PDB file of all heavy atoms in Angstrom:
ATOM      1  N   ALA A   1      15.104  -7.312   1.013  1.00  0.00           N
ATOM      2  CA  ALA A   1      14.232  -6.929   2.153  1.00  0.00           C
ATOM      3  C   ALA A   1      12.751  -6.993   1.762  1.00  0.00           C
ATOM      4  O   ALA A   1      12.386  -6.601   0.643  1.00  0.00           O
ATOM      5  CB  ALA A   1      14.613  -5.561   2.690  1.00  0.00           C
ATOM      6  N   ASP A   2      11.967  -7.485   2.694  1.00  0.00           N
ATOM      7  CA  ASP A   2      10.502  -7.481   2.521  1.00  0.00           C
ATOM      8  C   ASP A   2       9.980  -6.107   3.033  1.00  0.00           C
ATOM      9  O   ASP A   2       9.688  -5.987   4.221  1.00  0.00           O
ATOM     10  CB  ASP A   2       9.869  -8.626   3.312  1.00  0.00           C
ATOM     11  CG  ASP A   2       8.381  -8.729   3.061  1.00  0.00           C
ATOM     12  OD1 ASP A   2       7.838  -7.980   2.221  1.00  0.00           O
ATOM     13  OD2 ASP A   2       7.717  -9.544   3.748  1.00  0.00           O
ATOM     14  N   THR A   3       9.934  -5.127   2.138  1.00  0.00           N
ATOM     15  CA  THR A   3       9.507  -3.782   2.462  1.00  0.00           C
ATOM     16  C   THR A   3       7.991  -3.609   2.289  1.00  0.00           C
ATOM     17  O   THR A   3       7.466  -2.548   2.626  1.00  0.00           O
ATOM     18  CB  THR A   3      10.229  -2.789   1.612  1.00  0.00           C
ATOM     19  OG1 THR A   3       9.977  -3.076   0.223  1.00  0.00           O
ATOM     20  CG2 THR A   3      11.725  -2.794   1.838  1.00  0.00           C
ATOM     21  N   ALA A   4       7.305  -4.610   1.779  1.00  0.00           N
ATOM     22  CA  ALA A   4       5.890  -4.467   1.448  1.00  0.00           C
ATOM     23  C   ALA A   4       5.029  -4.033   2.645  1.00  0.00           C
ATOM     24  O   ALA A   4       4.144  -3.191   2.460  1.00  0.00           O
ATOM     25  CB  ALA A   4       5.351  -5.773   0.877  1.00  0.00           C
ATOM     26  N   PRO A   5       5.228  -4.550   3.859  1.00  0.00           N
ATOM     27  CA  PRO A   5       4.359  -4.113   4.982  1.00  0.00           C
ATOM     28  C   PRO A   5       4.406  -2.608   5.227  1.00  0.00           C
ATOM     29  O   PRO A   5       3.343  -1.968   5.447  1.00  0.00           O
ATOM     30  CB  PRO A   5       4.886  -4.907   6.157  1.00  0.00           C
ATOM     31  CG  PRO A   5       5.505  -6.116   5.538  1.00  0.00           C
ATOM     32  CD  PRO A   5       6.106  -5.641   4.297  1.00  0.00           C
ATOM     33  N   ASP A   6       5.604  -1.997   5.185  1.00  0.00           N
ATOM     34  CA  ASP A   6       5.678  -0.570   5.449  1.00  0.00           C
ATOM     35  C   ASP A   6       5.215   0.267   4.240  1.00  0.00           C
ATOM     36  O   ASP A   6       4.650   1.349   4.426  1.00  0.00           O
ATOM     37  CB  ASP A   6       7.122  -0.201   5.847  1.00  0.00           C
ATOM     38  CG  ASP A   6       7.527  -0.764   7.206  1.00  0.00           C
ATOM     39  OD1 ASP A   6       6.635  -0.824   8.070  1.00  0.00           O
ATOM     40  OD2 ASP A   6       8.680  -1.102   7.381  1.00  0.00           O
ATOM     41  N   LEU A   7       5.454  -0.214   3.035  1.00  0.00           N
ATOM     42  CA  LEU A   7       4.929   0.473   1.866  1.00  0.00           C
ATOM     43  C   LEU A   7       3.406   0.401   1.853  1.00  0.00           C
ATOM     44  O   LEU A   7       2.713   1.362   1.496  1.00  0.00           O
ATOM     45  CB  LEU A   7       5.519  -0.137   0.602  1.00  0.00           C
ATOM     46  CG  LEU A   7       6.975   0.161   0.338  1.00  0.00           C
ATOM     47  CD1 LEU A   7       7.569  -0.770  -0.711  1.00  0.00           C
ATOM     48  CD2 LEU A   7       7.119   1.622  -0.097  1.00  0.00           C
ATOM     49  N   ALA A   8       2.850  -0.779   2.189  1.00  0.00           N
ATOM     50  CA  ALA A   8       1.422  -0.905   2.247  1.00  0.00           C
ATOM     51  C   ALA A   8       0.794  -0.020   3.327  1.00  0.00           C
ATOM     52  O   ALA A   8      -0.293   0.575   3.135  1.00  0.00           O
ATOM     53  CB  ALA A   8       1.032  -2.394   2.521  1.00  0.00           C
ATOM     54  N   TYR A   9       1.511   0.114   4.459  1.00  0.00           N
ATOM     55  CA  TYR A   9       1.013   1.008   5.514  1.00  0.00           C
ATOM     56  C   TYR A   9       0.908   2.443   4.978  1.00  0.00           C
ATOM     57  O   TYR A   9      -0.106   3.138   5.257  1.00  0.00           O
ATOM     58  CB  TYR A   9       1.960   0.960   6.715  1.00  0.00           C
ATOM     59  CG  TYR A   9       1.649   2.029   7.746  1.00  0.00           C
ATOM     60  CD1 TYR A   9       0.696   1.782   8.712  1.00  0.00           C
ATOM     61  CD2 TYR A   9       2.305   3.251   7.734  1.00  0.00           C
ATOM     62  CE1 TYR A   9       0.390   2.742   9.670  1.00  0.00           C
ATOM     63  CE2 TYR A   9       1.991   4.222   8.673  1.00  0.00           C
ATOM     64  CZ  TYR A   9       1.042   3.986   9.641  1.00  0.00           C
ATOM     65  OH  TYR A   9       0.730   4.939  10.552  1.00  0.00           O
ATOM     66  N   ALA A  10       1.935   2.903   4.249  1.00  0.00           N
ATOM     67  CA  ALA A  10       1.875   4.252   3.686  1.00  0.00           C
ATOM     68  C   ALA A  10       0.730   4.399   2.730  1.00  0.00           C
ATOM     69  O   ALA A  10       0.000   5.442   2.749  1.00  0.00           O
ATOM     70  CB  ALA A  10       3.198   4.566   3.002  1.00  0.00           C
ATOM     71  N   ALA A  11       0.518   3.408   1.873  1.00  0.00           N
ATOM     72  CA  ALA A  11      -0.584   3.480   0.887  1.00  0.00           C
ATOM     73  C   ALA A  11      -1.937   3.460   1.630  1.00  0.00           C
ATOM     74  O   ALA A  11      -2.847   4.227   1.305  1.00  0.00           O
ATOM     75  CB  ALA A  11      -0.477   2.321  -0.072  1.00  0.00           C
ATOM     76  N   ASN A  12      -2.070   2.593   2.608  1.00  0.00           N
ATOM     77  CA  ASN A  12      -3.321   2.507   3.360  1.00  0.00           C
ATOM     78  C   ASN A  12      -3.559   3.738   4.192  1.00  0.00           C
ATOM     79  O   ASN A  12      -4.770   4.072   4.514  1.00  0.00           O
ATOM     80  CB  ASN A  12      -3.351   1.245   4.203  1.00  0.00           C
ATOM     81  CG  ASN A  12      -3.781   0.039   3.420  1.00  0.00           C
ATOM     82  OD1 ASN A  12      -4.622   0.131   2.539  1.00  0.00           O
ATOM     83  ND2 ASN A  12      -3.228  -1.126   3.770  1.00  0.00           N
ATOM     84  N   SER A  13      -2.519   4.452   4.594  1.00  0.00           N
ATOM     85  CA  SER A  13      -2.688   5.678   5.350  1.00  0.00           C
ATOM     86  C   SER A  13      -3.406   6.717   4.518  1.00  0.00           C
ATOM     87  O   SER A  13      -4.222   7.518   5.085  1.00  0.00           O
ATOM     88  CB  SER A  13      -1.317   6.240   5.801  1.00  0.00           C
ATOM     89  OG  SER A  13      -0.715   5.357   6.734  1.00  0.00           O
ATOM     90  N   LEU A  14      -3.196   6.724   3.232  1.00  0.00           N
ATOM     91  CA  LEU A  14      -3.944   7.622   2.319  1.00  0.00           C
ATOM     92  C   LEU A  14      -5.407   7.218   2.315  1.00  0.00           C
ATOM     93  O   LEU A  14      -6.287   8.112   2.388  1.00  0.00           O
ATOM     94  CB  LEU A  14      -3.352   7.516   0.905  1.00  0.00           C
ATOM     95  CG  LEU A  14      -1.983   8.029   0.643  1.00  0.00           C
ATOM     96  CD1 LEU A  14      -1.612   7.875  -0.819  1.00  0.00           C
ATOM     97  CD2 LEU A  14      -1.832   9.493   1.054  1.00  0.00           C
ATOM     98  N   ARG A  15      -5.686   5.930   2.236  1.00  0.00           N
ATOM     99  CA  ARG A  15      -7.074   5.502   2.234  1.00  0.00           C
ATOM    100  C   ARG A  15      -7.778   5.853   3.558  1.00  0.00           C
ATOM    101  O   ARG A  15      -8.906   6.368   3.553  1.00  0.00           O
ATOM    102  CB  ARG A  15      -7.125   4.000   2.017  1.00  0.00           C
ATOM    103  CG  ARG A  15      -6.681   3.570   0.592  1.00  0.00           C
ATOM    104  CD  ARG A  15      -6.647   2.031   0.450  1.00  0.00           C
ATOM    105  NE  ARG A  15      -7.942   1.423   0.674  1.00  0.00           N
ATOM    106  CZ  ARG A  15      -8.847   1.202  -0.260  1.00  0.00           C
ATOM    107  NH1 ARG A  15      -8.607   1.615  -1.509  1.00  0.00           N
ATOM    108  NH2 ARG A  15      -9.990   0.616   0.048  1.00  0.00           N
ATOM    109  N   LEU A  16      -7.096   5.613   4.642  1.00  0.00           N
ATOM    110  CA  LEU A  16      -7.705   5.906   5.937  1.00  0.00           C
ATOM    111  C   LEU A  16      -7.965   7.415   6.127  1.00  0.00           C
ATOM    112  O   LEU A  16      -8.984   7.817   6.656  1.00  0.00           O
ATOM    113  CB  LEU A  16      -6.824   5.390   7.044  1.00  0.00           C
ATOM    114  CG  LEU A  16      -6.742   3.868   7.191  1.00  0.00           C
ATOM    115  CD1 LEU A  16      -5.620   3.437   8.140  1.00  0.00           C
ATOM    116  CD2 LEU A  16      -8.066   3.310   7.654  1.00  0.00           C
ATOM    117  N   ALA A  17      -7.015   8.232   5.604  1.00  0.00           N
ATOM    118  CA  ALA A  17      -7.187   9.681   5.707  1.00  0.00           C
ATOM    119  C   ALA A  17      -8.411  10.163   4.895  1.00  0.00           C
ATOM    120  O   ALA A  17      -9.000  11.192   5.227  1.00  0.00           O
ATOM    121  CB  ALA A  17      -5.921  10.359   5.243  1.00  0.00           C
ATOM    122  N   ASP A  18      -8.717   9.394   3.879  1.00  0.00           N
ATOM    123  CA  ASP A  18      -9.865   9.756   3.032  1.00  0.00           C
ATOM    124  C   ASP A  18     -11.124   9.020   3.425  1.00  0.00           C
ATOM    125  O   ASP A  18     -12.155   9.053   2.758  1.00  0.00           O
ATOM    126  CB  ASP A  18      -9.553   9.401   1.552  1.00  0.00           C
ATOM    127  CG  ASP A  18      -8.428  10.302   0.995  1.00  0.00           C
ATOM    128  OD1 ASP A  18      -8.244  11.385   1.536  1.00  0.00           O
ATOM    129  OD2 ASP A  18      -7.803   9.895   0.020  1.00  0.00           O
ATOM    130  N   GLY A  19     -11.076   8.303   4.587  1.00  0.00           N
ATOM    131  CA  GLY A  19     -12.227   7.619   5.088  1.00  0.00           C
ATOM    132  C   GLY A  19     -12.552   6.328   4.399  1.00  0.00           C
ATOM    133  O   GLY A  19     -13.690   5.848   4.427  1.00  0.00           O
ATOM    134  N   VAL A  20     -11.548   5.723   3.755  1.00  0.00           N
ATOM    135  CA  VAL A  20     -11.713   4.452   3.029  1.00  0.00           C
ATOM    136  C   VAL A  20     -11.003   3.365   3.802  1.00  0.00           C
ATOM    137  O   VAL A  20      -9.860   3.552   4.236  1.00  0.00           O
ATOM    138  CB  VAL A  20     -11.163   4.569   1.602  1.00  0.00           C
ATOM    139  CG1 VAL A  20     -11.394   3.283   0.817  1.00  0.00           C
ATOM    140  CG2 VAL A  20     -11.740   5.758   0.881  1.00  0.00           C
ATOM    141  N   PRO A  21     -11.602   2.171   3.930  1.00  0.00           N
ATOM    142  CA  PRO A  21     -10.963   1.069   4.687  1.00  0.00           C
ATOM    143  C   PRO A  21      -9.643   0.659   4.034  1.00  0.00           C
ATOM    144  O   PRO A  21      -9.494   0.753   2.784  1.00  0.00           O
ATOM    145  CB  PRO A  21     -11.993  -0.059   4.578  1.00  0.00           C
ATOM    146  CG  PRO A  21     -13.294   0.612   4.319  1.00  0.00           C
ATOM    147  CD  PRO A  21     -12.960   1.795   3.485  1.00  0.00           C
ATOM    148  N   PRO A  22      -8.671   0.215   4.771  1.00  0.00           N
ATOM    149  CA  PRO A  22      -7.372  -0.241   4.221  1.00  0.00           C
ATOM    150  C   PRO A  22      -7.539  -1.503   3.419  1.00  0.00           C
ATOM    151  O   PRO A  22      -8.462  -2.302   3.609  1.00  0.00           O
ATOM    152  CB  PRO A  22      -6.519  -0.470   5.465  1.00  0.00           C
ATOM    153  CG  PRO A  22      -7.526  -0.784   6.565  1.00  0.00           C
ATOM    154  CD  PRO A  22      -8.732   0.043   6.263  1.00  0.00           C
ATOM    155  N   LEU A  23      -6.595  -1.697   2.450  1.00  0.00           N
ATOM    156  CA  LEU A  23      -6.556  -2.921   1.701  1.00  0.00           C
ATOM    157  C   LEU A  23      -5.605  -3.949   2.410  1.00  0.00           C
ATOM    158  O   LEU A  23      -4.671  -3.544   3.092  1.00  0.00           O
ATOM    159  CB  LEU A  23      -5.961  -2.638   0.296  1.00  0.00           C
ATOM    160  CG  LEU A  23      -6.830  -1.812  -0.653  1.00  0.00           C
ATOM    161  CD1 LEU A  23      -6.037  -1.482  -1.898  1.00  0.00           C
ATOM    162  CD2 LEU A  23      -8.088  -2.523  -0.986  1.00  0.00           C
ATOM    163  N   PRO A  24      -5.907  -5.222   2.284  1.00  0.00           N
ATOM    164  CA  PRO A  24      -4.989  -6.217   2.845  1.00  0.00           C
ATOM    165  C   PRO A  24      -3.594  -6.102   2.244  1.00  0.00           C
ATOM    166  O   PRO A  24      -3.479  -5.758   1.050  1.00  0.00           O
ATOM    167  CB  PRO A  24      -5.650  -7.557   2.432  1.00  0.00           C
ATOM    168  CG  PRO A  24      -7.072  -7.230   2.205  1.00  0.00           C
ATOM    169  CD  PRO A  24      -7.111  -5.846   1.648  1.00  0.00           C
ATOM    170  N   VAL A  25      -2.596  -6.333   3.040  1.00  0.00           N
ATOM    171  CA  VAL A  25      -1.237  -6.210   2.580  1.00  0.00           C
ATOM    172  C   VAL A  25      -0.976  -7.123   1.400  1.00  0.00           C
ATOM    173  O   VAL A  25      -0.239  -6.760   0.459  1.00  0.00           O
ATOM    174  CB  VAL A  25      -0.219  -6.541   3.715  1.00  0.00           C
ATOM    175  CG1 VAL A  25       1.202  -6.633   3.196  1.00  0.00           C
ATOM    176  CG2 VAL A  25      -0.329  -5.560   4.821  1.00  0.00           C
ATOM    177  N   GLU A  26      -1.611  -8.263   1.393  1.00  0.00           N
ATOM    178  CA  GLU A  26      -1.363  -9.261   0.277  1.00  0.00           C
ATOM    179  C   GLU A  26      -1.854  -8.711  -1.059  1.00  0.00           C
ATOM    180  O   GLU A  26      -1.319  -9.143  -2.126  1.00  0.00           O
ATOM    181  CB  GLU A  26      -2.032 -10.577   0.610  1.00  0.00           C
ATOM    182  CG  GLU A  26      -1.383 -11.309   1.771  1.00  0.00           C
ATOM    183  CD  GLU A  26       0.158 -11.375   1.654  1.00  0.00           C
ATOM    184  OE1 GLU A  26       0.638 -11.748   0.573  1.00  0.00           O
ATOM    185  OE2 GLU A  26       0.837 -11.059   2.650  1.00  0.00           O
ATOM    186  N   ILE A  27      -2.804  -7.799  -1.082  1.00  0.00           N
ATOM    187  CA  ILE A  27      -3.220  -7.205  -2.349  1.00  0.00           C
ATOM    188  C   ILE A  27      -2.174  -6.242  -2.847  1.00  0.00           C
ATOM    189  O   ILE A  27      -1.934  -6.119  -4.081  1.00  0.00           O
ATOM    190  CB  ILE A  27      -4.571  -6.493  -2.185  1.00  0.00           C
ATOM    191  CG1 ILE A  27      -5.685  -7.525  -1.975  1.00  0.00           C
ATOM    192  CG2 ILE A  27      -4.934  -5.594  -3.388  1.00  0.00           C
ATOM    193  CD1 ILE A  27      -7.071  -6.947  -1.775  1.00  0.00           C
ATOM    194  N   LEU A  28      -1.545  -5.505  -1.949  1.00  0.00           N
ATOM    195  CA  LEU A  28      -0.549  -4.517  -2.319  1.00  0.00           C
ATOM    196  C   LEU A  28       0.839  -5.117  -2.514  1.00  0.00           C
ATOM    197  O   LEU A  28       1.690  -4.506  -3.206  1.00  0.00           O
ATOM    198  CB  LEU A  28      -0.494  -3.401  -1.266  1.00  0.00           C
ATOM    199  CG  LEU A  28      -1.802  -2.595  -1.081  1.00  0.00           C
ATOM    200  CD1 LEU A  28      -1.697  -1.676   0.113  1.00  0.00           C
ATOM    201  CD2 LEU A  28      -2.093  -1.786  -2.366  1.00  0.00           C
ATOM    202  N   ARG A  29       1.119  -6.244  -1.884  1.00  0.00           N
ATOM    203  CA  ARG A  29       2.444  -6.815  -1.933  1.00  0.00           C
ATOM    204  C   ARG A  29       3.035  -6.979  -3.341  1.00  0.00           C
ATOM    205  O   ARG A  29       4.186  -6.594  -3.561  1.00  0.00           O
ATOM    206  CB  ARG A  29       2.450  -8.179  -1.214  1.00  0.00           C
ATOM    207  CG  ARG A  29       3.774  -8.915  -1.213  1.00  0.00           C
ATOM    208  CD  ARG A  29       3.700 -10.205  -0.430  1.00  0.00           C
ATOM    209  NE  ARG A  29       3.494  -9.926   0.977  1.00  0.00           N
ATOM    210  CZ  ARG A  29       4.493  -9.670   1.818  1.00  0.00           C
ATOM    211  NH1 ARG A  29       5.722  -9.625   1.361  1.00  0.00           N
ATOM    212  NH2 ARG A  29       4.263  -9.435   3.055  1.00  0.00           N
ATOM    213  N   PRO A  30       2.297  -7.506  -4.345  1.00  0.00           N
ATOM    214  CA  PRO A  30       2.921  -7.684  -5.654  1.00  0.00           C
ATOM    215  C   PRO A  30       3.337  -6.365  -6.324  1.00  0.00           C
ATOM    216  O   PRO A  30       4.147  -6.376  -7.225  1.00  0.00           O
ATOM    217  CB  PRO A  30       1.785  -8.357  -6.481  1.00  0.00           C
ATOM    218  CG  PRO A  30       0.896  -8.976  -5.457  1.00  0.00           C
ATOM    219  CD  PRO A  30       0.937  -8.059  -4.283  1.00  0.00           C
ATOM    220  N   LEU A  31       2.812  -5.241  -5.818  1.00  0.00           N
ATOM    221  CA  LEU A  31       3.103  -3.949  -6.450  1.00  0.00           C
ATOM    222  C   LEU A  31       4.212  -3.218  -5.722  1.00  0.00           C
ATOM    223  O   LEU A  31       4.567  -2.109  -6.109  1.00  0.00           O
ATOM    224  CB  LEU A  31       1.815  -3.090  -6.441  1.00  0.00           C
ATOM    225  CG  LEU A  31       0.603  -3.746  -7.112  1.00  0.00           C
ATOM    226  CD1 LEU A  31      -0.656  -2.949  -6.818  1.00  0.00           C
ATOM    227  CD2 LEU A  31       0.825  -3.876  -8.618  1.00  0.00           C
ATOM    228  N   ALA A  32       4.730  -3.787  -4.636  1.00  0.00           N
ATOM    229  CA  ALA A  32       5.719  -3.067  -3.843  1.00  0.00           C
ATOM    230  C   ALA A  32       6.966  -2.697  -4.608  1.00  0.00           C
ATOM    231  O   ALA A  32       7.562  -1.630  -4.373  1.00  0.00           O
ATOM    232  CB  ALA A  32       6.086  -3.904  -2.578  1.00  0.00           C
ATOM    233  N   SER A  33       7.408  -3.545  -5.532  1.00  0.00           N
ATOM    234  CA  SER A  33       8.594  -3.227  -6.308  1.00  0.00           C
ATOM    235  C   SER A  33       8.360  -2.057  -7.307  1.00  0.00           C
ATOM    236  O   SER A  33       9.321  -1.501  -7.819  1.00  0.00           O
ATOM    237  CB  SER A  33       9.032  -4.447  -7.103  1.00  0.00           C
ATOM    238  OG  SER A  33       9.614  -5.400  -6.244  1.00  0.00           O
ATOM    239  N   GLN A  34       7.091  -1.699  -7.515  1.00  0.00           N
ATOM    240  CA  GLN A  34       6.784  -0.639  -8.435  1.00  0.00           C
ATOM    241  C   GLN A  34       6.747   0.735  -7.765  1.00  0.00           C
ATOM    242  O   GLN A  34       6.482   1.745  -8.427  1.00  0.00           O
ATOM    243  CB  GLN A  34       5.460  -0.923  -9.159  1.00  0.00           C
ATOM    244  CG  GLN A  34       5.486  -2.196  -9.950  1.00  0.00           C
ATOM    245  CD  GLN A  34       4.120  -2.469 -10.614  1.00  0.00           C
ATOM    246  OE1 GLN A  34       3.323  -1.585 -10.851  1.00  0.00           O
ATOM    247  NE2 GLN A  34       3.885  -3.723 -10.934  1.00  0.00           N
ATOM    248  N   GLY A  35       6.916   0.766  -6.442  1.00  0.00           N
ATOM    249  CA  GLY A  35       6.981   2.026  -5.715  1.00  0.00           C
ATOM    250  C   GLY A  35       5.630   2.747  -5.709  1.00  0.00           C
ATOM    251  O   GLY A  35       4.558   2.167  -5.853  1.00  0.00           O
ATOM    252  N   ALA A  36       5.693   4.037  -5.590  1.00  0.00           N
ATOM    253  CA  ALA A  36       4.498   4.861  -5.500  1.00  0.00           C
ATOM    254  C   ALA A  36       3.566   4.716  -6.669  1.00  0.00           C
ATOM    255  O   ALA A  36       2.370   4.656  -6.494  1.00  0.00           O
ATOM    256  CB  ALA A  36       4.894   6.331  -5.286  1.00  0.00           C
ATOM    257  N   ARG A  37       4.092   4.608  -7.834  1.00  0.00           N
ATOM    258  CA  ARG A  37       3.280   4.525  -9.042  1.00  0.00           C
ATOM    259  C   ARG A  37       2.300   3.329  -8.962  1.00  0.00           C
ATOM    260  O   ARG A  37       1.123   3.454  -9.180  1.00  0.00           O
ATOM    261  CB  ARG A  37       4.165   4.420 -10.291  1.00  0.00           C
ATOM    262  CG  ARG A  37       3.392   4.389 -11.591  1.00  0.00           C
ATOM    263  CD  ARG A  37       4.376   4.119 -12.761  1.00  0.00           C
ATOM    264  NE  ARG A  37       5.373   5.164 -12.836  1.00  0.00           N
ATOM    265  CZ  ARG A  37       5.344   6.133 -13.816  1.00  0.00           C
ATOM    266  NH1 ARG A  37       4.418   6.122 -14.709  1.00  0.00           N
ATOM    267  NH2 ARG A  37       6.292   7.024 -13.829  1.00  0.00           N
ATOM    268  N   GLY A  38       2.880   2.147  -8.701  1.00  0.00           N
ATOM    269  CA  GLY A  38       2.020   0.955  -8.634  1.00  0.00           C
ATOM    270  C   GLY A  38       1.087   0.911  -7.434  1.00  0.00           C
ATOM    271  O   GLY A  38      -0.050   0.535  -7.551  1.00  0.00           O
ATOM    272  N   LEU A  39       1.631   1.342  -6.279  1.00  0.00           N
ATOM    273  CA  LEU A  39       0.827   1.302  -5.066  1.00  0.00           C
ATOM    274  C   LEU A  39      -0.312   2.309  -5.054  1.00  0.00           C
ATOM    275  O   LEU A  39      -1.445   2.000  -4.630  1.00  0.00           O
ATOM    276  CB  LEU A  39       1.739   1.537  -3.850  1.00  0.00           C
ATOM    277  CG  LEU A  39       2.689   0.379  -3.541  1.00  0.00           C
ATOM    278  CD1 LEU A  39       3.786   0.829  -2.609  1.00  0.00           C
ATOM    279  CD2 LEU A  39       1.941  -0.782  -2.918  1.00  0.00           C
ATOM    280  N   LEU A  40      -0.086   3.503  -5.615  1.00  0.00           N
ATOM    281  CA  LEU A  40      -1.140   4.492  -5.658  1.00  0.00           C
ATOM    282  C   LEU A  40      -2.243   4.121  -6.620  1.00  0.00           C
ATOM    283  O   LEU A  40      -3.415   4.426  -6.412  1.00  0.00           O
ATOM    284  CB  LEU A  40      -0.573   5.874  -5.979  1.00  0.00           C
ATOM    285  CG  LEU A  40       0.304   6.516  -4.913  1.00  0.00           C
ATOM    286  CD1 LEU A  40       0.835   7.864  -5.353  1.00  0.00           C
ATOM    287  CD2 LEU A  40      -0.448   6.608  -3.621  1.00  0.00           C
ATOM    288  N   LYS A  41      -1.880   3.462  -7.700  1.00  0.00           N
ATOM    289  CA  LYS A  41      -2.886   3.033  -8.675  1.00  0.00           C
ATOM    290  C   LYS A  41      -3.836   2.032  -8.008  1.00  0.00           C
ATOM    291  O   LYS A  41      -5.097   2.115  -8.179  1.00  0.00           O
ATOM    292  CB  LYS A  41      -2.235   2.386  -9.883  1.00  0.00           C
ATOM    293  CG  LYS A  41      -3.225   1.945 -10.955  1.00  0.00           C
ATOM    294  CD  LYS A  41      -2.553   1.347 -12.143  1.00  0.00           C
ATOM    295  CE  LYS A  41      -3.551   0.869 -13.199  1.00  0.00           C
ATOM    296  NZ  LYS A  41      -2.847   0.277 -14.387  1.00  0.00           N
TER     297      LYS A  41
END
């Protein structure tokens, strides 16, 4: 499954809550298999 869009949404939700613009999904996509650890970094 291509779960990257929903994982990226969760990561970008943190950025938006902190007043930071979201990152493009393609930047976060390679890190999706690493879960929270890779995405939060």
